[in-house]
Amino acid sequence: MLDKIGIGIDLVKIEKFKKFDYKTNSNFYHNIFTSSEIKYCLKFSEPYEHFAGKFALKEAVIKSIGKKIPLTSIFTDHKNFQPIVKIENSSEYSFLATLSHEDEFAIAVIISEKF
């Protein structure tokens, strides 16, 4: 049964995203995030901690499933203040996710189950 369970963690410096202002580097963001993720992050006065958090979620997903997939095929959202993660066009995995950002870091932990 444990071969069907994966765990991933990722820690990201928020400063890495602050260095790339969205207005002048939108292509950078569109290579990593979906349009809905970008819209979600930009609604905050400090969007870069949210970009870093979503990036940490995506990297933790890749670590939890043990295979490289495009970052834009990993969809993140929030419901009732909880992160939701899905892989585009896949029902192969189910995810439990947690995310936090504080001061200069964002961290995400993912537990995945393969069906």
PDB file of N, CA and C in Angstrom:
ATOM      1  N   MET A   1       0.812  -1.196   0.000  1.00  0.00           N
ATOM      2  CA  MET A   1       0.000   0.000   0.000  1.00  0.00           C
ATOM      3  C   MET A   1       0.859   1.265   0.000  1.00  0.00           C
ATOM      4  N   LEU A   2       2.007   1.240   0.669  1.00  0.00           N
ATOM      5  CA  LEU A   2       2.832   2.435   0.717  1.00  0.00           C
ATOM      6  C   LEU A   2       3.398   2.827  -0.640  1.00  0.00           C
ATOM      7  N   ASP A   3       3.459   1.888  -1.586  1.00  0.00           N
ATOM      8  CA  ASP A   3       3.937   2.256  -2.913  1.00  0.00           C
ATOM      9  C   ASP A   3       2.930   3.134  -3.656  1.00  0.00           C
ATOM     10  N   LYS A   4       1.736   3.249  -3.126  1.00  0.00           N
ATOM     11  CA  LYS A   4       0.715   4.110  -3.721  1.00  0.00           C
ATOM     12  C   LYS A   4       0.660   5.483  -3.059  1.00  0.00           C
ATOM     13  N   ILE A   5       1.424   5.667  -1.978  1.00  0.00           N
ATOM     14  CA  ILE A   5       1.435   6.924  -1.233  1.00  0.00           C
ATOM     15  C   ILE A   5       2.759   7.630  -1.467  1.00  0.00           C
ATOM     16  N   GLY A   6       2.686   8.926  -1.709  1.00  0.00           N
ATOM     17  CA  GLY A   6       3.894   9.730  -1.882  1.00  0.00           C
ATOM     18  C   GLY A   6       3.823  10.972  -1.022  1.00  0.00           C
ATOM     19  N   ILE A   7       4.971  11.525  -0.712  1.00  0.00           N
ATOM     20  CA  ILE A   7       5.024  12.778   0.042  1.00  0.00           C
ATOM     21  C   ILE A   7       6.041  13.688  -0.615  1.00  0.00           C
ATOM     22  N   GLY A   8       5.731  14.956  -0.652  1.00  0.00           N
ATOM     23  CA  GLY A   8       6.647  15.942  -1.222  1.00  0.00           C
ATOM     24  C   GLY A   8       6.613  17.207  -0.396  1.00  0.00           C
ATOM     25  N   ILE A   9       7.748  17.863  -0.306  1.00  0.00           N
ATOM     26  CA  ILE A   9       7.859  19.128   0.414  1.00  0.00           C
ATOM     27  C   ILE A   9       8.724  20.060  -0.414  1.00  0.00           C
ATOM     28  N   ASP A  10       8.416  21.350  -0.369  1.00  0.00           N
ATOM     29  CA  ASP A  10       9.245  22.318  -1.069  1.00  0.00           C
ATOM     30  C   ASP A  10       9.237  23.632  -0.308  1.00  0.00           C
ATOM     31  N   LEU A  11      10.397  24.254  -0.241  1.00  0.00           N
ATOM     32  CA  LEU A  11      10.597  25.537   0.425  1.00  0.00           C
ATOM     33  C   LEU A  11      11.110  26.523  -0.616  1.00  0.00           C
ATOM     34  N   VAL A  12      10.481  27.696  -0.698  1.00  0.00           N
ATOM     35  CA  VAL A  12      10.820  28.682  -1.721  1.00  0.00           C
ATOM     36  C   VAL A  12      11.052  30.036  -1.061  1.00  0.00           C
ATOM     37  N   LYS A  13      12.116  30.710  -1.475  1.00  0.00           N
ATOM     38  CA  LYS A  13      12.336  32.087  -1.035  1.00  0.00           C
ATOM     39  C   LYS A  13      11.401  32.993  -1.837  1.00  0.00           C
ATOM     40  N   ILE A  14      10.604  33.764  -1.157  1.00  0.00           N
ATOM     41  CA  ILE A  14       9.662  34.680  -1.813  1.00  0.00           C
ATOM     42  C   ILE A  14      10.409  35.695  -2.674  1.00  0.00           C
ATOM     43  N   GLU A  15      11.600  36.074  -2.252  1.00  0.00           N
ATOM     44  CA  GLU A  15      12.422  37.051  -2.974  1.00  0.00           C
ATOM     45  C   GLU A  15      12.680  36.626  -4.426  1.00  0.00           C
ATOM     46  N   LYS A  16      12.743  35.318  -4.681  1.00  0.00           N
ATOM     47  CA  LYS A  16      12.974  34.841  -6.050  1.00  0.00           C
ATOM     48  C   LYS A  16      11.883  35.330  -6.990  1.00  0.00           C
ATOM     49  N   PHE A  17      10.660  35.449  -6.486  1.00  0.00           N
ATOM     50  CA  PHE A  17       9.562  35.930  -7.316  1.00  0.00           C
ATOM     51  C   PHE A  17       9.478  37.452  -7.298  1.00  0.00           C
ATOM     52  N   LYS A  18       9.842  38.072  -6.197  1.00  0.00           N
ATOM     53  CA  LYS A  18       9.839  39.541  -6.141  1.00  0.00           C
ATOM     54  C   LYS A  18      10.807  40.133  -7.155  1.00  0.00           C
ATOM     55  N   LYS A  19      11.879  39.408  -7.480  1.00  0.00           N
ATOM     56  CA  LYS A  19      12.863  39.901  -8.449  1.00  0.00           C
ATOM     57  C   LYS A  19      12.286  39.992  -9.851  1.00  0.00           C
ATOM     58  N   PHE A  20      11.210  39.237 -10.110  1.00  0.00           N
ATOM     59  CA  PHE A  20      10.599  39.224 -11.440  1.00  0.00           C
ATOM     60  C   PHE A  20       9.218  39.869 -11.374  1.00  0.00           C
ATOM     61  N   ASP A  21       9.198  41.181 -11.474  1.00  0.00           N
ATOM     62  CA  ASP A  21       7.941  41.926 -11.447  1.00  0.00           C
ATOM     63  C   ASP A  21       7.010  41.379 -12.531  1.00  0.00           C
ATOM     64  N   TYR A  22       5.762  41.138 -12.146  1.00  0.00           N
ATOM     65  CA  TYR A  22       4.820  40.531 -13.091  1.00  0.00           C
ATOM     66  C   TYR A  22       4.626  41.385 -14.345  1.00  0.00           C
ATOM     67  N   LYS A  23       4.519  42.683 -14.177  1.00  0.00           N
ATOM     68  CA  LYS A  23       4.228  43.553 -15.321  1.00  0.00           C
ATOM     69  C   LYS A  23       5.310  43.500 -16.398  1.00  0.00           C
ATOM     70  N   THR A  24       6.543  43.315 -15.996  1.00  0.00           N
ATOM     71  CA  THR A  24       7.630  43.286 -16.978  1.00  0.00           C
ATOM     72  C   THR A  24       8.116  41.873 -17.292  1.00  0.00           C
ATOM     73  N   ASN A  25       7.604  40.874 -16.574  1.00  0.00           N
ATOM     74  CA  ASN A  25       8.041  39.492 -16.769  1.00  0.00           C
ATOM     75  C   ASN A  25       6.860  38.522 -16.852  1.00  0.00           C
ATOM     76  N   SER A  26       5.791  38.925 -17.487  1.00  0.00           N
ATOM     77  CA  SER A  26       4.589  38.089 -17.497  1.00  0.00           C
ATOM     78  C   SER A  26       4.830  36.731 -18.165  1.00  0.00           C
ATOM     79  N   ASN A  27       5.721  36.676 -19.167  1.00  0.00           N
ATOM     80  CA  ASN A  27       6.008  35.387 -19.809  1.00  0.00           C
ATOM     81  C   ASN A  27       6.599  34.396 -18.815  1.00  0.00           C
ATOM     82  N   PHE A  28       7.450  34.861 -17.935  1.00  0.00           N
ATOM     83  CA  PHE A  28       8.020  34.016 -16.885  1.00  0.00           C
ATOM     84  C   PHE A  28       6.896  33.357 -16.089  1.00  0.00           C
ATOM     85  N   TYR A  29       5.911  34.130 -15.679  1.00  0.00           N
ATOM     86  CA  TYR A  29       4.804  33.622 -14.867  1.00  0.00           C
ATOM     87  C   TYR A  29       3.894  32.686 -15.663  1.00  0.00           C
ATOM     88  N   HIS A  30       3.661  33.005 -16.926  1.00  0.00           N
ATOM     89  CA  HIS A  30       2.794  32.155 -17.750  1.00  0.00           C
ATOM     90  C   HIS A  30       3.443  30.816 -18.101  1.00  0.00           C
ATOM     91  N   ASN A  31       4.758  30.709 -17.954  1.00  0.00           N
ATOM     92  CA  ASN A  31       5.442  29.432 -18.155  1.00  0.00           C
ATOM     93  C   ASN A  31       5.352  28.526 -16.929  1.00  0.00           C
ATOM     94  N   ILE A  32       4.912  29.067 -15.818  1.00  0.00           N
ATOM     95  CA  ILE A  32       4.842  28.319 -14.559  1.00  0.00           C
ATOM     96  C   ILE A  32       3.405  28.120 -14.088  1.00  0.00           C
ATOM     97  N   PHE A  33       2.587  29.160 -14.235  1.00  0.00           N
ATOM     98  CA  PHE A  33       1.253  29.187 -13.633  1.00  0.00           C
ATOM     99  C   PHE A  33       0.148  29.248 -14.683  1.00  0.00           C
ATOM    100  N   THR A  34      -1.028  28.738 -14.315  1.00  0.00           N
ATOM    101  CA  THR A  34      -2.204  28.863 -15.175  1.00  0.00           C
ATOM    102  C   THR A  34      -2.751  30.282 -15.057  1.00  0.00           C
ATOM    103  N   SER A  35      -3.590  30.656 -15.984  1.00  0.00           N
ATOM    104  CA  SER A  35      -4.187  31.998 -15.956  1.00  0.00           C
ATOM    105  C   SER A  35      -4.983  32.236 -14.678  1.00  0.00           C
ATOM    106  N   SER A  36      -5.704  31.222 -14.213  1.00  0.00           N
ATOM    107  CA  SER A  36      -6.491  31.398 -12.984  1.00  0.00           C
ATOM    108  C   SER A  36      -5.585  31.536 -11.757  1.00  0.00           C
ATOM    109  N   GLU A  37      -4.448  30.855 -11.752  1.00  0.00           N
ATOM    110  CA  GLU A  37      -3.505  30.996 -10.639  1.00  0.00           C
ATOM    111  C   GLU A  37      -2.904  32.397 -10.620  1.00  0.00           C
ATOM    112  N   ILE A  38      -2.561  32.913 -11.785  1.00  0.00           N
ATOM    113  CA  ILE A  38      -2.008  34.268 -11.882  1.00  0.00           C
ATOM    114  C   ILE A  38      -3.035  35.283 -11.405  1.00  0.00           C
ATOM    115  N   LYS A  39      -4.260  35.131 -11.862  1.00  0.00           N
ATOM    116  CA  LYS A  39      -5.332  36.040 -11.449  1.00  0.00           C
ATOM    117  C   LYS A  39      -5.512  36.002  -9.927  1.00  0.00           C
ATOM    118  N   TYR A  40      -5.482  34.816  -9.344  1.00  0.00           N
ATOM    119  CA  TYR A  40      -5.613  34.662  -7.895  1.00  0.00           C
ATOM    120  C   TYR A  40      -4.492  35.416  -7.169  1.00  0.00           C
ATOM    121  N   CYS A  41      -3.256  35.212  -7.588  1.00  0.00           N
ATOM    122  CA  CYS A  41      -2.121  35.844  -6.908  1.00  0.00           C
ATOM    123  C   CYS A  41      -2.138  37.359  -7.048  1.00  0.00           C
ATOM    124  N   LEU A  42      -2.495  37.855  -8.227  1.00  0.00           N
ATOM    125  CA  LEU A  42      -2.468  39.296  -8.472  1.00  0.00           C
ATOM    126  C   LEU A  42      -3.554  40.063  -7.732  1.00  0.00           C
ATOM    127  N   LYS A  43      -4.527  39.379  -7.178  1.00  0.00           N
ATOM    128  CA  LYS A  43      -5.570  40.097  -6.444  1.00  0.00           C
ATOM    129  C   LYS A  43      -5.089  40.555  -5.066  1.00  0.00           C
ATOM    130  N   PHE A  44      -3.916  40.078  -4.633  1.00  0.00           N
ATOM    131  CA  PHE A  44      -3.363  40.450  -3.337  1.00  0.00           C
ATOM    132  C   PHE A  44      -2.401  41.626  -3.482  1.00  0.00           C
ATOM    133  N   SER A  45      -2.303  42.439  -2.431  1.00  0.00           N
ATOM    134  CA  SER A  45      -1.368  43.562  -2.472  1.00  0.00           C
ATOM    135  C   SER A  45       0.079  43.089  -2.511  1.00  0.00           C
ATOM    136  N   GLU A  46       0.348  41.906  -1.973  1.00  0.00           N
ATOM    137  CA  GLU A  46       1.680  41.282  -2.018  1.00  0.00           C
ATOM    138  C   GLU A  46       1.562  39.950  -2.768  1.00  0.00           C
ATOM    139  N   PRO A  47       1.503  39.994  -4.098  1.00  0.00           N
ATOM    140  CA  PRO A  47       1.249  38.763  -4.856  1.00  0.00           C
ATOM    141  C   PRO A  47       2.394  37.757  -4.837  1.00  0.00           C
ATOM    142  N   TYR A  48       3.606  38.203  -4.570  1.00  0.00           N
ATOM    143  CA  TYR A  48       4.764  37.324  -4.744  1.00  0.00           C
ATOM    144  C   TYR A  48       4.844  36.217  -3.707  1.00  0.00           C
ATOM    145  N   GLU A  49       4.338  36.451  -2.515  1.00  0.00           N
ATOM    146  CA  GLU A  49       4.298  35.354  -1.539  1.00  0.00           C
ATOM    147  C   GLU A  49       3.310  34.284  -1.981  1.00  0.00           C
ATOM    148  N   HIS A  50       2.275  34.684  -2.692  1.00  0.00           N
ATOM    149  CA  HIS A  50       1.295  33.719  -3.210  1.00  0.00           C
ATOM    150  C   HIS A  50       1.854  32.962  -4.418  1.00  0.00           C
ATOM    151  N   PHE A  51       2.584  33.665  -5.281  1.00  0.00           N
ATOM    152  CA  PHE A  51       3.261  32.980  -6.382  1.00  0.00           C
ATOM    153  C   PHE A  51       4.254  31.953  -5.834  1.00  0.00           C
ATOM    154  N   ALA A  52       5.021  32.347  -4.825  1.00  0.00           N
ATOM    155  CA  ALA A  52       6.008  31.429  -4.238  1.00  0.00           C
ATOM    156  C   ALA A  52       5.309  30.217  -3.623  1.00  0.00           C
ATOM    157  N   GLY A  53       4.185  30.445  -2.951  1.00  0.00           N
ATOM    158  CA  GLY A  53       3.433  29.341  -2.352  1.00  0.00           C
ATOM    159  C   GLY A  53       2.901  28.377  -3.401  1.00  0.00           C
ATOM    160  N   LYS A  54       2.349  28.908  -4.469  1.00  0.00           N
ATOM    161  CA  LYS A  54       1.828  28.046  -5.529  1.00  0.00           C
ATOM    162  C   LYS A  54       2.962  27.289  -6.224  1.00  0.00           C
ATOM    163  N   PHE A  55       4.117  27.942  -6.386  1.00  0.00           N
ATOM    164  CA  PHE A  55       5.262  27.255  -6.962  1.00  0.00           C
ATOM    165  C   PHE A  55       5.710  26.115  -6.045  1.00  0.00           C
ATOM    166  N   ALA A  56       5.742  26.368  -4.745  1.00  0.00           N
ATOM    167  CA  ALA A  56       6.121  25.323  -3.780  1.00  0.00           C
ATOM    168  C   ALA A  56       5.148  24.148  -3.851  1.00  0.00           C
ATOM    169  N   LEU A  57       3.856  24.435  -3.994  1.00  0.00           N
ATOM    170  CA  LEU A  57       2.868  23.360  -4.142  1.00  0.00           C
ATOM    171  C   LEU A  57       3.177  22.502  -5.370  1.00  0.00           C
ATOM    172  N   LYS A  58       3.450  23.149  -6.489  1.00  0.00           N
ATOM    173  CA  LYS A  58       3.709  22.421  -7.730  1.00  0.00           C
ATOM    174  C   LYS A  58       4.971  21.559  -7.615  1.00  0.00           C
ATOM    175  N   GLU A  59       6.018  22.112  -7.042  1.00  0.00           N
ATOM    176  CA  GLU A  59       7.258  21.348  -6.873  1.00  0.00           C
ATOM    177  C   GLU A  59       7.049  20.184  -5.902  1.00  0.00           C
ATOM    178  N   ALA A  60       6.276  20.390  -4.849  1.00  0.00           N
ATOM    179  CA  ALA A  60       5.995  19.311  -3.894  1.00  0.00           C
ATOM    180  C   ALA A  60       5.179  18.198  -4.551  1.00  0.00           C
ATOM    181  N   VAL A  61       4.274  18.553  -5.467  1.00  0.00           N
ATOM    182  CA  VAL A  61       3.511  17.543  -6.208  1.00  0.00           C
ATOM    183  C   VAL A  61       4.457  16.664  -7.018  1.00  0.00           C
ATOM    184  N   ILE A  62       5.371  17.279  -7.741  1.00  0.00           N
ATOM    185  CA  ILE A  62       6.321  16.524  -8.563  1.00  0.00           C
ATOM    186  C   ILE A  62       7.133  15.571  -7.691  1.00  0.00           C
ATOM    187  N   LYS A  63       7.557  16.036  -6.530  1.00  0.00           N
ATOM    188  CA  LYS A  63       8.321  15.180  -5.621  1.00  0.00           C
ATOM    189  C   LYS A  63       7.463  14.044  -5.072  1.00  0.00           C
ATOM    190  N   SER A  64       6.198  14.330  -4.807  1.00  0.00           N
ATOM    191  CA  SER A  64       5.334  13.295  -4.214  1.00  0.00           C
ATOM    192  C   SER A  64       4.974  12.189  -5.195  1.00  0.00           C
ATOM    193  N   ILE A  65       4.864  12.514  -6.487  1.00  0.00           N
ATOM    194  CA  ILE A  65       4.513  11.485  -7.476  1.00  0.00           C
ATOM    195  C   ILE A  65       5.741  10.850  -8.110  1.00  0.00           C
ATOM    196  N   GLY A  66       6.882  11.477  -7.935  1.00  0.00           N
ATOM    197  CA  GLY A  66       8.121  10.894  -8.420  1.00  0.00           C
ATOM    198  C   GLY A  66       8.307  10.910  -9.922  1.00  0.00           C
ATOM    199  N   LYS A  67       7.665  11.878 -10.591  1.00  0.00           N
ATOM    200  CA  LYS A  67       7.906  12.015 -12.022  1.00  0.00           C
ATOM    201  C   LYS A  67       7.751  13.468 -12.437  1.00  0.00           C
ATOM    202  N   LYS A  68       8.546  13.852 -13.434  1.00  0.00           N
ATOM    203  CA  LYS A  68       8.553  15.221 -13.923  1.00  0.00           C
ATOM    204  C   LYS A  68       7.362  15.446 -14.849  1.00  0.00           C
ATOM    205  N   ILE A  69       6.579  16.458 -14.541  1.00  0.00           N
ATOM    206  CA  ILE A  69       5.470  16.865 -15.399  1.00  0.00           C
ATOM    207  C   ILE A  69       5.534  18.387 -15.534  1.00  0.00           C
ATOM    208  N   PRO A  70       4.955  18.945 -16.593  1.00  0.00           N
ATOM    209  CA  PRO A  70       4.992  20.404 -16.754  1.00  0.00           C
ATOM    210  C   PRO A  70       4.288  21.111 -15.596  1.00  0.00           C
ATOM    211  N   LEU A  71       4.889  22.187 -15.122  1.00  0.00           N
ATOM    212  CA  LEU A  71       4.295  22.929 -14.004  1.00  0.00           C
ATOM    213  C   LEU A  71       2.899  23.443 -14.339  1.00  0.00           C
ATOM    214  N   THR A  72       2.678  23.803 -15.592  1.00  0.00           N
ATOM    215  CA  THR A  72       1.362  24.326 -15.974  1.00  0.00           C
ATOM    216  C   THR A  72       0.293  23.243 -16.050  1.00  0.00           C
ATOM    217  N   SER A  73       0.682  21.965 -15.963  1.00  0.00           N
ATOM    218  CA  SER A  73      -0.316  20.895 -15.925  1.00  0.00           C
ATOM    219  C   SER A  73      -0.766  20.593 -14.500  1.00  0.00           C
ATOM    220  N   ILE A  74      -0.124  21.254 -13.526  1.00  0.00           N
ATOM    221  CA  ILE A  74      -0.524  21.127 -12.125  1.00  0.00           C
ATOM    222  C   ILE A  74      -1.376  22.341 -11.790  1.00  0.00           C
ATOM    223  N   PHE A  75      -2.614  22.095 -11.431  1.00  0.00           N
ATOM    224  CA  PHE A  75      -3.581  23.151 -11.150  1.00  0.00           C
ATOM    225  C   PHE A  75      -3.747  23.295  -9.638  1.00  0.00           C
ATOM    226  N   THR A  76      -3.572  24.518  -9.140  1.00  0.00           N
ATOM    227  CA  THR A  76      -3.771  24.784  -7.712  1.00  0.00           C
ATOM    228  C   THR A  76      -4.901  25.780  -7.536  1.00  0.00           C
ATOM    229  N   ASP A  77      -5.631  25.605  -6.458  1.00  0.00           N
ATOM    230  CA  ASP A  77      -6.728  26.502  -6.121  1.00  0.00           C
ATOM    231  C   ASP A  77      -6.871  26.488  -4.605  1.00  0.00           C
ATOM    232  N   HIS A  78      -7.859  27.205  -4.118  1.00  0.00           N
ATOM    233  CA  HIS A  78      -8.122  27.230  -2.674  1.00  0.00           C
ATOM    234  C   HIS A  78      -9.627  27.120  -2.439  1.00  0.00           C
ATOM    235  N   LYS A  79      -9.985  26.345  -1.434  1.00  0.00           N
ATOM    236  CA  LYS A  79     -11.377  26.215  -1.034  1.00  0.00           C
ATOM    237  C   LYS A  79     -11.398  26.193   0.485  1.00  0.00           C
ATOM    238  N   ASN A  80     -12.181  27.088   1.066  1.00  0.00           N
ATOM    239  CA  ASN A  80     -12.257  27.205   2.526  1.00  0.00           C
ATOM    240  C   ASN A  80     -10.871  27.337   3.146  1.00  0.00           C
ATOM    241  N   PHE A  81     -10.032  28.168   2.527  1.00  0.00           N
ATOM    242  CA  PHE A  81      -8.675  28.463   3.004  1.00  0.00           C
ATOM    243  C   PHE A  81      -7.733  27.263   2.952  1.00  0.00           C
ATOM    244  N   GLN A  82      -8.107  26.207   2.234  1.00  0.00           N
ATOM    245  CA  GLN A  82      -7.269  25.021   2.068  1.00  0.00           C
ATOM    246  C   GLN A  82      -6.822  24.931   0.606  1.00  0.00           C
ATOM    247  N   PRO A  83      -5.541  24.618   0.381  1.00  0.00           N
ATOM    248  CA  PRO A  83      -5.100  24.447  -1.007  1.00  0.00           C
ATOM    249  C   PRO A  83      -5.664  23.165  -1.615  1.00  0.00           C
ATOM    250  N   ILE A  84      -6.009  23.263  -2.881  1.00  0.00           N
ATOM    251  CA  ILE A  84      -6.496  22.134  -3.669  1.00  0.00           C
ATOM    252  C   ILE A  84      -5.521  21.955  -4.825  1.00  0.00           C
ATOM    253  N   VAL A  85      -5.158  20.713  -5.108  1.00  0.00           N
ATOM    254  CA  VAL A  85      -4.212  20.429  -6.175  1.00  0.00           C
ATOM    255  C   VAL A  85      -4.779  19.330  -7.062  1.00  0.00           C
ATOM    256  N   LYS A  86      -4.648  19.529  -8.378  1.00  0.00           N
ATOM    257  CA  LYS A  86      -5.062  18.529  -9.362  1.00  0.00           C
ATOM    258  C   LYS A  86      -4.058  18.540 -10.502  1.00  0.00           C
ATOM    259  N   ILE A  87      -3.964  17.408 -11.169  1.00  0.00           N
ATOM    260  CA  ILE A  87      -3.163  17.334 -12.384  1.00  0.00           C
ATOM    261  C   ILE A  87      -4.133  17.337 -13.556  1.00  0.00           C
ATOM    262  N   GLU A  88      -3.872  18.225 -14.499  1.00  0.00           N
ATOM    263  CA  GLU A  88      -4.742  18.386 -15.659  1.00  0.00           C
ATOM    264  C   GLU A  88      -4.936  17.058 -16.388  1.00  0.00           C
ATOM    265  N   ASN A  89      -6.183  16.762 -16.723  1.00  0.00           N
ATOM    266  CA  ASN A  89      -6.560  15.557 -17.482  1.00  0.00           C
ATOM    267  C   ASN A  89      -6.086  14.261 -16.841  1.00  0.00           C
ATOM    268  N   SER A  90      -6.055  14.223 -15.518  1.00  0.00           N
ATOM    269  CA  SER A  90      -5.620  13.011 -14.821  1.00  0.00           C
ATOM    270  C   SER A  90      -6.490  12.778 -13.595  1.00  0.00           C
ATOM    271  N   SER A  91      -6.943  11.566 -13.452  1.00  0.00           N
ATOM    272  CA  SER A  91      -7.638  11.155 -12.223  1.00  0.00           C
ATOM    273  C   SER A  91      -6.831  10.058 -11.536  1.00  0.00           C
ATOM    274  N   GLU A  92      -5.545  10.001 -11.868  1.00  0.00           N
ATOM    275  CA  GLU A  92      -4.654   8.959 -11.359  1.00  0.00           C
ATOM    276  C   GLU A  92      -4.243   9.207  -9.904  1.00  0.00           C
ATOM    277  N   TYR A  93      -4.304  10.478  -9.472  1.00  0.00           N
ATOM    278  CA  TYR A  93      -3.832  10.843  -8.139  1.00  0.00           C
ATOM    279  C   TYR A  93      -4.869  11.644  -7.368  1.00  0.00           C
ATOM    280  N   SER A  94      -4.790  11.512  -6.058  1.00  0.00           N
ATOM    281  CA  SER A  94      -5.529  12.358  -5.132  1.00  0.00           C
ATOM    282  C   SER A  94      -4.493  13.006  -4.214  1.00  0.00           C
ATOM    283  N   PHE A  95      -4.724  14.272  -3.840  1.00  0.00           N
ATOM    284  CA  PHE A  95      -3.727  15.004  -3.066  1.00  0.00           C
ATOM    285  C   PHE A  95      -4.313  15.614  -1.796  1.00  0.00           C
ATOM    286  N   LEU A  96      -3.513  15.588  -0.747  1.00  0.00           N
ATOM    287  CA  LEU A  96      -3.728  16.397   0.447  1.00  0.00           C
ATOM    288  C   LEU A  96      -2.605  17.419   0.448  1.00  0.00           C
ATOM    289  N   ALA A  97      -2.948  18.681   0.684  1.00  0.00           N
ATOM    290  CA  ALA A  97      -1.945  19.736   0.581  1.00  0.00           C
ATOM    291  C   ALA A  97      -2.046  20.704   1.746  1.00  0.00           C
ATOM    292  N   THR A  98      -0.893  21.225   2.125  1.00  0.00           N
ATOM    293  CA  THR A  98      -0.852  22.322   3.079  1.00  0.00           C
ATOM    294  C   THR A  98       0.212  23.300   2.609  1.00  0.00           C
ATOM    295  N   LEU A  99       0.000  24.556   2.939  1.00  0.00           N
ATOM    296  CA  LEU A  99       0.840  25.631   2.430  1.00  0.00           C
ATOM    297  C   LEU A  99       0.935  26.718   3.485  1.00  0.00           C
ATOM    298  N   SER A 100       2.112  27.305   3.593  1.00  0.00           N
ATOM    299  CA  SER A 100       2.285  28.427   4.514  1.00  0.00           C
ATOM    300  C   SER A 100       3.333  29.371   3.946  1.00  0.00           C
ATOM    301  N   HIS A 101       3.155  30.656   4.198  1.00  0.00           N
ATOM    302  CA  HIS A 101       4.207  31.616   3.869  1.00  0.00           C
ATOM    303  C   HIS A 101       4.371  32.565   5.047  1.00  0.00           C
ATOM    304  N   GLU A 102       5.637  32.849   5.330  1.00  0.00           N
ATOM    305  CA  GLU A 102       5.974  33.687   6.479  1.00  0.00           C
ATOM    306  C   GLU A 102       7.275  34.414   6.171  1.00  0.00           C
ATOM    307  N   ASP A 103       7.276  35.711   6.402  1.00  0.00           N
ATOM    308  CA  ASP A 103       8.456  36.535   6.163  1.00  0.00           C
ATOM    309  C   ASP A 103       9.042  36.279   4.781  1.00  0.00           C
ATOM    310  N   GLU A 104      10.155  35.554   4.696  1.00  0.00           N
ATOM    311  CA  GLU A 104      10.842  35.415   3.417  1.00  0.00           C
ATOM    312  C   GLU A 104      10.659  34.069   2.731  1.00  0.00           C
ATOM    313  N   PHE A 105       9.861  33.159   3.313  1.00  0.00           N
ATOM    314  CA  PHE A 105       9.721  31.820   2.753  1.00  0.00           C
ATOM    315  C   PHE A 105       8.273  31.402   2.562  1.00  0.00           C
ATOM    316  N   ALA A 106       8.075  30.524   1.589  1.00  0.00           N
ATOM    317  CA  ALA A 106       6.818  29.804   1.401  1.00  0.00           C
ATOM    318  C   ALA A 106       7.164  28.321   1.441  1.00  0.00           C
ATOM    319  N   ILE A 107       6.311  27.535   2.066  1.00  0.00           N
ATOM    320  CA  ILE A 107       6.550  26.094   2.170  1.00  0.00           C
ATOM    321  C   ILE A 107       5.257  25.347   1.866  1.00  0.00           C
ATOM    322  N   ALA A 108       5.396  24.217   1.192  1.00  0.00           N
ATOM    323  CA  ALA A 108       4.246  23.383   0.868  1.00  0.00           C
ATOM    324  C   ALA A 108       4.595  21.918   1.142  1.00  0.00           C
ATOM    325  N   VAL A 109       3.593  21.194   1.619  1.00  0.00           N
ATOM    326  CA  VAL A 109       3.721  19.753   1.820  1.00  0.00           C
ATOM    327  C   VAL A 109       2.549  19.098   1.113  1.00  0.00           C
ATOM    328  N   ILE A 110       2.851  18.032   0.373  1.00  0.00           N
ATOM    329  CA  ILE A 110       1.843  17.290  -0.386  1.00  0.00           C
ATOM    330  C   ILE A 110       1.918  15.820  -0.006  1.00  0.00           C
ATOM    331  N   ILE A 111       0.773  15.226   0.209  1.00  0.00           N
ATOM    332  CA  ILE A 111       0.663  13.773   0.312  1.00  0.00           C
ATOM    333  C   ILE A 111      -0.185  13.339  -0.877  1.00  0.00           C
ATOM    334  N   SER A 112       0.344  12.405  -1.657  1.00  0.00           N
ATOM    335  CA  SER A 112      -0.385  11.944  -2.837  1.00  0.00           C
ATOM    336  C   SER A 112      -0.736  10.470  -2.681  1.00  0.00           C
ATOM    337  N   GLU A 113      -1.864  10.132  -3.281  1.00  0.00           N
ATOM    338  CA  GLU A 113      -2.282   8.727  -3.349  1.00  0.00           C
ATOM    339  C   GLU A 113      -2.522   8.404  -4.800  1.00  0.00           C
ATOM    340  N   LYS A 114      -1.917   7.308  -5.262  1.00  0.00           N
ATOM    341  CA  LYS A 114      -2.093   6.875  -6.644  1.00  0.00           C
ATOM    342  C   LYS A 114      -3.163   5.800  -6.679  1.00  0.00           C
ATOM    343  N   PHE A 115      -4.126   5.966  -7.580  1.00  0.00           N
ATOM    344  CA  PHE A 115      -5.218   4.999  -7.714  1.00  0.00           C
ATOM    345  C   PHE A 115      -4.859   3.881  -8.654  1.00  0.00           C
TER     346      PHE A 115
END
